[in-house]
Amino acid sequence: MLVYSENGLVDPWLVSQMLIQATDRISPLVAVQPVYMHPYTVAKMIASLAHLHGRRTCVNLVAGGFRNDLAALGDETPHDERYARLTDYGGLIKALTHETIPVTSRSSHYSVDELRLTPPVPPELQPEFMISGSSAAGLRAARALEATALRYPQPPGEEEPQSETGLRTGIRIGIIARESSEEAWRIGLEKFPEDRAGQITHRLAMTVSDSEWHRQLSRLAEAAAARESPYWLGPFQNYRTYCPYLVGTHAEVAEQLSGYLSRGHDTFILDVPSSREDLEHAAMAFGDAVGMAA
């Protein structure tokens, strides 16, 4: 379960602790940003949660964010250099959580000497790493770290097939699936109504973000609005969420999902569901999609 991290939110590690205590199997996927925390501290958190609860914590490596948030923390690092720093950052976390011997590392951004993580992370609880793969710099970092490269997808028919051997890829989407298309769209429009204030906020956010995915989705939004499709960017345009939605019957959503599967994406992060029912219907669509892709 993705746990967000930014200036305006509570600490993701405290949220993850509560999440673990309230569930039996969920692994928190904690968003970590180099400007917030040293990589040793991240590794120590992962090791501590594994030791105390026997639960794996995964890591979503975040290079940037809103420019105003970064500026408030005194970080003016350019976009591509942030990914170079993130590669060093993630590499040190990975070494500390995967190695059983002291780690010595010299990089452009972090240096440690004979650093040992205690308690060590058991092999079965070692973290998986994910990172934004929307830009060339993000893809380079994903390759270097053997991380899953995540992106906000285009409609399946416009997605390029995954051609890079060995690179795992995934997408982030929302799903509203029901027995009928009319019911799905009714729920979607009730959840994400037209919002003039949100549209203005969205345009303002574009001016304070250098995120490649934000620009990509904004370019797609106008074209997507002009065609009838389960692929919906209304919530993004109204500044209610950051990802596309798939809306329709189980079969319509499954067809879209199977398109992403056939293009090599094997990881899906769902936007925040409104209810257990949303998850149950999404699971039905995924079940159908796997059959179609096979």
Protein backbone atom coordinates (compact mmCIF):
# COMPACT_ATOMS: atom_id res chain seq x y z
CA MET A 1 0.00 0.00 0.00
CA LEU A 2 1.54 3.29 -1.15
CA VAL A 3 2.16 5.76 1.68
CA TYR A 4 2.67 9.30 0.41
CA SER A 5 5.39 11.71 1.52
CA GLU A 6 5.40 15.47 1.02
CA ASN A 7 5.61 18.70 3.03
CA GLY A 8 1.87 18.89 3.65
CA LEU A 9 1.38 15.36 5.02
CA VAL A 10 2.09 13.54 8.27
CA ASP A 11 5.22 11.40 8.50
CA PRO A 12 4.95 8.28 6.26
CA TRP A 13 6.91 6.05 8.66
CA LEU A 14 4.48 6.69 11.50
CA VAL A 15 1.60 5.97 9.13
CA SER A 16 3.34 2.76 8.04
CA GLN A 17 3.76 1.66 11.66
CA MET A 18 0.00 2.11 12.22
CA LEU A 19 -0.76 0.34 8.92
CA ILE A 20 1.29 -2.69 9.90
CA GLN A 21 -0.30 -2.88 13.35
CA ALA A 22 -3.82 -2.72 11.85
CA THR A 23 -3.33 -5.42 9.17
CA ASP A 24 -2.07 -8.96 8.76
CA ARG A 25 -0.29 -9.01 5.40
CA ILE A 26 -0.03 -5.56 3.78
CA SER A 27 3.47 -4.29 3.00
CA PRO A 28 3.74 -0.49 3.16
CA LEU A 29 5.27 1.06 0.03
CA VAL A 30 6.82 4.15 1.60
CA ALA A 31 7.63 7.16 -0.56
CA VAL A 32 11.13 8.37 0.38
CA GLN A 33 12.81 11.60 -0.70
CA PRO A 34 16.55 12.27 -0.22
CA VAL A 35 15.96 15.76 1.17
CA TYR A 36 13.88 14.36 4.05
CA MET A 37 16.05 11.57 5.42
CA HIS A 38 19.55 10.05 5.18
CA PRO A 39 19.61 6.65 3.39
CA TYR A 40 20.93 4.95 6.54
CA THR A 41 17.85 6.14 8.44
CA VAL A 42 15.57 4.70 5.74
CA ALA A 43 17.40 1.37 5.92
CA LYS A 44 17.18 1.45 9.72
CA MET A 45 13.40 2.00 9.54
CA ILE A 46 13.02 -0.96 7.16
CA ALA A 47 15.15 -3.19 9.40
CA SER A 48 13.35 -2.08 12.56
CA LEU A 49 9.85 -2.75 11.17
CA ALA A 50 11.02 -6.14 9.89
CA HIS A 51 12.48 -7.00 13.30
CA LEU A 52 9.53 -5.75 15.35
CA HIS A 53 6.67 -6.96 13.17
CA GLY A 54 8.05 -9.55 10.75
CA ARG A 55 6.73 -7.44 7.88
CA ARG A 56 8.38 -6.27 4.69
CA THR A 57 8.49 -2.55 3.89
CA CYS A 58 8.99 -1.53 0.26
CA VAL A 59 10.38 1.73 -1.05
CA ASN A 60 9.03 4.17 -3.63
CA LEU A 61 12.00 6.36 -4.50
CA VAL A 62 10.94 9.97 -5.15
CA ALA A 63 13.31 12.35 -6.90
CA GLY A 64 11.33 15.57 -6.78
CA GLY A 65 7.95 17.03 -5.94
CA PHE A 66 6.54 20.52 -6.06
CA ARG A 67 9.29 23.06 -6.60
CA ASN A 68 7.96 25.22 -3.77
CA ASP A 69 8.28 22.29 -1.33
CA LEU A 70 11.86 21.66 -2.41
CA ALA A 71 12.75 25.35 -2.29
CA ALA A 72 11.37 25.59 1.25
CA LEU A 73 13.86 22.89 2.21
CA GLY A 74 16.71 24.68 0.45
CA ASP A 75 16.98 22.15 -2.38
CA GLU A 76 17.47 23.71 -5.82
CA THR A 77 18.97 20.61 -7.46
CA PRO A 78 18.08 20.34 -11.20
CA HIS A 79 15.77 17.55 -12.38
CA ASP A 80 18.30 15.12 -13.87
CA GLU A 81 20.79 15.64 -11.07
CA ARG A 82 18.05 14.75 -8.56
CA TYR A 83 17.79 11.35 -10.26
CA ALA A 84 21.56 10.91 -10.13
CA ARG A 85 21.39 11.65 -6.40
CA LEU A 86 18.44 9.28 -6.05
CA THR A 87 20.47 6.51 -7.69
CA ASP A 88 23.20 6.90 -5.07
CA TYR A 89 20.55 7.15 -2.36
CA GLY A 90 18.67 4.03 -3.40
CA GLY A 91 21.90 2.14 -4.00
CA LEU A 92 23.03 2.72 -0.43
CA ILE A 93 19.65 1.71 1.02
CA LYS A 94 19.73 -1.45 -1.10
CA ALA A 95 23.28 -2.33 -0.04
CA LEU A 96 22.48 -1.84 3.66
CA THR A 97 19.26 -3.89 3.54
CA HIS A 98 20.62 -6.69 1.34
CA GLU A 99 24.21 -7.16 2.54
CA THR A 100 25.24 -9.05 5.67
CA ILE A 101 28.68 -7.43 5.81
CA PRO A 102 29.58 -3.81 6.63
CA VAL A 103 29.07 -1.46 3.70
CA THR A 104 31.74 0.92 2.42
CA SER A 105 30.61 3.22 -0.37
CA ARG A 106 31.93 6.35 -2.04
CA SER A 107 29.62 8.22 -4.40
CA SER A 108 29.03 11.79 -5.50
CA HIS A 109 26.37 12.30 -2.84
CA TYR A 110 26.87 9.78 0.00
CA SER A 111 29.89 8.17 1.58
CA VAL A 112 29.94 5.57 4.35
CA ASP A 113 32.75 3.51 5.80
CA GLU A 114 32.28 0.03 7.28
CA LEU A 115 28.61 0.82 8.03
CA ARG A 116 26.61 -2.14 9.36
CA LEU A 117 22.82 -2.32 9.62
CA THR A 118 21.66 -3.81 12.92
CA PRO A 119 19.42 -5.70 13.13
CA PRO A 120 19.91 -7.08 9.60
CA VAL A 121 16.92 -7.49 7.29
CA PRO A 122 16.00 -11.18 6.74
CA PRO A 123 16.21 -12.19 3.05
CA GLU A 124 12.44 -12.80 2.82
CA LEU A 125 11.73 -9.28 4.14
CA GLN A 126 14.17 -7.33 1.97
CA PRO A 127 12.47 -4.37 0.27
CA GLU A 128 11.39 -4.06 -3.32
CA PHE A 129 12.23 -0.72 -4.96
CA MET A 130 10.06 1.36 -7.27
CA ILE A 131 10.85 4.65 -8.99
CA SER A 132 9.26 7.01 -11.49
CA GLY A 133 10.08 5.99 -15.05
CA SER A 134 8.41 8.83 -16.92
CA SER A 135 11.67 10.54 -17.89
CA ALA A 136 14.95 9.32 -19.38
CA ALA A 137 16.69 10.17 -16.10
CA GLY A 138 14.15 8.08 -14.17
CA LEU A 139 14.65 5.11 -16.48
CA ARG A 140 18.42 5.32 -16.05
CA ALA A 141 17.96 5.24 -12.28
CA ALA A 142 15.56 2.28 -12.51
CA ARG A 143 18.07 0.30 -14.57
CA ALA A 144 20.92 1.12 -12.20
CA LEU A 145 18.92 0.08 -9.13
CA GLU A 146 17.05 -2.84 -10.76
CA ALA A 147 13.90 -1.09 -9.58
CA THR A 148 10.41 -1.24 -11.06
CA ALA A 149 9.92 1.82 -13.29
CA LEU A 150 6.47 3.32 -12.67
CA ARG A 151 4.59 5.74 -14.88
CA TYR A 152 1.16 7.23 -15.44
CA PRO A 153 -0.04 5.48 -18.59
CA GLN A 154 -1.47 6.62 -21.88
CA PRO A 155 -4.48 4.74 -23.27
CA PRO A 156 -3.40 1.13 -23.89
CA GLY A 157 -3.49 1.49 -27.68
CA GLU A 158 -1.03 4.38 -27.47
CA GLU A 159 1.38 2.72 -25.03
CA GLU A 160 4.68 1.58 -26.50
CA PRO A 161 5.40 -2.12 -25.86
CA GLN A 162 8.04 -2.71 -23.18
CA SER A 163 11.15 -3.53 -25.20
CA GLU A 164 13.92 -3.19 -22.65
CA THR A 165 14.99 -6.61 -21.39
CA GLY A 166 15.28 -6.98 -17.65
CA LEU A 167 13.52 -3.73 -16.74
CA ARG A 168 10.30 -4.23 -14.78
CA THR A 169 7.65 -1.62 -15.47
CA GLY A 170 4.35 -0.69 -13.90
CA ILE A 171 1.62 1.91 -14.04
CA ARG A 172 -0.50 3.88 -11.63
CA ILE A 173 -4.22 4.11 -12.35
CA GLY A 174 -7.63 4.36 -10.72
CA ILE A 175 -10.42 1.88 -11.44
CA ILE A 176 -14.20 2.22 -11.22
CA ALA A 177 -15.77 -0.94 -12.60
CA ARG A 178 -19.36 -2.10 -12.25
CA GLU A 179 -21.90 -4.41 -13.90
CA SER A 180 -23.04 -1.62 -16.24
CA SER A 181 -21.15 1.25 -17.81
CA GLU A 182 -23.88 3.69 -16.73
CA GLU A 183 -23.48 2.74 -13.08
CA ALA A 184 -19.68 3.00 -13.25
CA TRP A 185 -19.79 6.47 -14.78
CA ARG A 186 -22.45 7.62 -12.32
CA ILE A 187 -20.17 6.59 -9.44
CA GLY A 188 -17.16 8.18 -11.13
CA LEU A 189 -18.86 11.52 -11.75
CA GLU A 190 -20.24 11.59 -8.20
CA LYS A 191 -16.78 10.92 -6.81
CA PHE A 192 -15.03 13.39 -9.14
CA PRO A 193 -17.50 16.13 -10.17
CA GLU A 194 -16.55 19.04 -12.38
CA ASP A 195 -14.72 21.56 -10.20
CA ARG A 196 -13.78 24.99 -11.57
CA ALA A 197 -11.61 25.78 -8.55
CA GLY A 198 -9.83 22.46 -8.97
CA GLN A 199 -9.17 23.18 -12.66
CA ILE A 200 -7.58 26.51 -11.73
CA THR A 201 -5.48 24.82 -9.04
CA HIS A 202 -4.38 22.21 -11.59
CA ARG A 203 -3.14 24.92 -13.95
CA LEU A 204 -1.30 26.64 -11.09
CA ALA A 205 0.29 23.35 -10.06
CA MET A 206 1.67 22.99 -13.58
CA THR A 207 3.66 26.17 -13.05
CA VAL A 208 5.37 24.89 -9.87
CA SER A 209 6.19 21.36 -11.00
CA ASP A 210 8.99 20.18 -13.28
CA SER A 211 7.60 16.64 -13.25
CA GLU A 212 7.66 14.96 -16.66
CA TRP A 213 4.56 12.83 -15.85
CA HIS A 214 2.55 15.95 -14.96
CA ARG A 215 3.30 17.47 -18.36
CA GLN A 216 2.60 14.20 -20.18
CA LEU A 217 -0.82 13.74 -18.58
CA SER A 218 -1.77 17.35 -19.20
CA ARG A 219 -1.00 16.92 -22.91
CA LEU A 220 -3.11 13.76 -23.00
CA ALA A 221 -6.11 15.22 -21.17
CA GLU A 222 -7.49 17.30 -24.03
CA ALA A 223 -7.21 14.48 -26.57
CA ALA A 224 -8.76 11.94 -24.20
CA ALA A 225 -11.76 14.20 -23.53
CA ALA A 226 -12.57 14.22 -27.23
CA ARG A 227 -13.23 10.46 -27.51
CA GLU A 228 -15.52 7.97 -25.82
CA SER A 229 -13.30 5.63 -23.86
CA PRO A 230 -12.96 4.01 -20.43
CA TYR A 231 -9.71 5.99 -20.11
CA TRP A 232 -10.63 9.13 -18.11
CA LEU A 233 -8.49 12.08 -17.03
CA GLY A 234 -11.30 14.15 -15.50
CA PRO A 235 -10.11 13.64 -11.88
CA PHE A 236 -6.61 14.77 -12.88
CA GLN A 237 -7.90 17.85 -14.70
CA ASN A 238 -9.99 18.83 -11.66
CA TYR A 239 -7.00 18.38 -9.33
CA ARG A 240 -8.69 15.58 -7.39
CA THR A 241 -6.01 12.97 -8.02
CA TYR A 242 -2.84 12.52 -10.07
CA CYS A 243 -3.54 9.50 -12.26
CA PRO A 244 -5.84 8.38 -15.10
CA TYR A 245 -8.93 6.33 -14.31
CA LEU A 246 -10.46 3.37 -16.14
CA VAL A 247 -14.26 3.55 -15.90
CA GLY A 248 -16.80 1.09 -17.30
CA THR A 249 -18.06 -2.46 -17.10
CA HIS A 250 -15.81 -5.23 -15.84
CA ALA A 251 -15.23 -6.32 -19.43
CA GLU A 252 -14.45 -2.79 -20.67
CA VAL A 253 -11.96 -2.16 -17.87
CA ALA A 254 -10.49 -5.65 -18.27
CA GLU A 255 -9.86 -5.01 -21.96
CA GLN A 256 -7.90 -1.87 -21.08
CA LEU A 257 -5.94 -3.67 -18.35
CA SER A 258 -5.10 -6.57 -20.67
CA GLY A 259 -3.68 -4.02 -23.10
CA TYR A 260 -1.28 -2.79 -20.43
CA LEU A 261 -0.37 -6.37 -19.46
CA SER A 262 0.36 -7.29 -23.07
CA ARG A 263 2.73 -4.31 -23.29
CA GLY A 264 4.86 -5.68 -20.48
CA HIS A 265 3.57 -3.86 -17.39
CA ASP A 266 3.43 -6.27 -14.45
CA THR A 267 2.93 -3.87 -11.53
CA PHE A 268 -0.24 -1.84 -10.95
CA ILE A 269 -0.68 0.76 -8.20
CA LEU A 270 -4.33 1.67 -7.73
CA ASP A 271 -5.51 5.13 -6.74
CA VAL A 272 -7.17 5.40 -3.31
CA PRO A 273 -10.43 3.38 -3.40
CA SER A 274 -13.59 4.81 -1.87
CA SER A 275 -14.79 1.50 -0.48
CA ARG A 276 -14.21 -2.23 -0.18
CA GLU A 277 -16.73 -2.58 -3.02
CA ASP A 278 -14.44 -0.60 -5.34
CA LEU A 279 -11.62 -3.06 -4.64
CA GLU A 280 -13.85 -6.09 -5.16
CA HIS A 281 -15.00 -4.85 -8.57
CA ALA A 282 -11.42 -3.92 -9.53
CA ALA A 283 -10.33 -7.46 -8.61
CA MET A 284 -13.01 -8.88 -10.93
CA ALA A 285 -11.73 -6.71 -13.79
CA PHE A 286 -8.14 -7.80 -13.13
CA GLY A 287 -9.18 -11.45 -13.11
CA ASP A 288 -10.80 -11.04 -16.53
CA ALA A 289 -7.80 -9.06 -17.81
CA VAL A 290 -5.32 -11.78 -16.92
CA GLY A 291 -7.44 -14.30 -18.86
CA MET A 292 -7.59 -11.97 -21.89
CA ALA A 293 -3.83 -11.30 -21.83
CA ALA A 294 -3.09 -15.03 -21.56
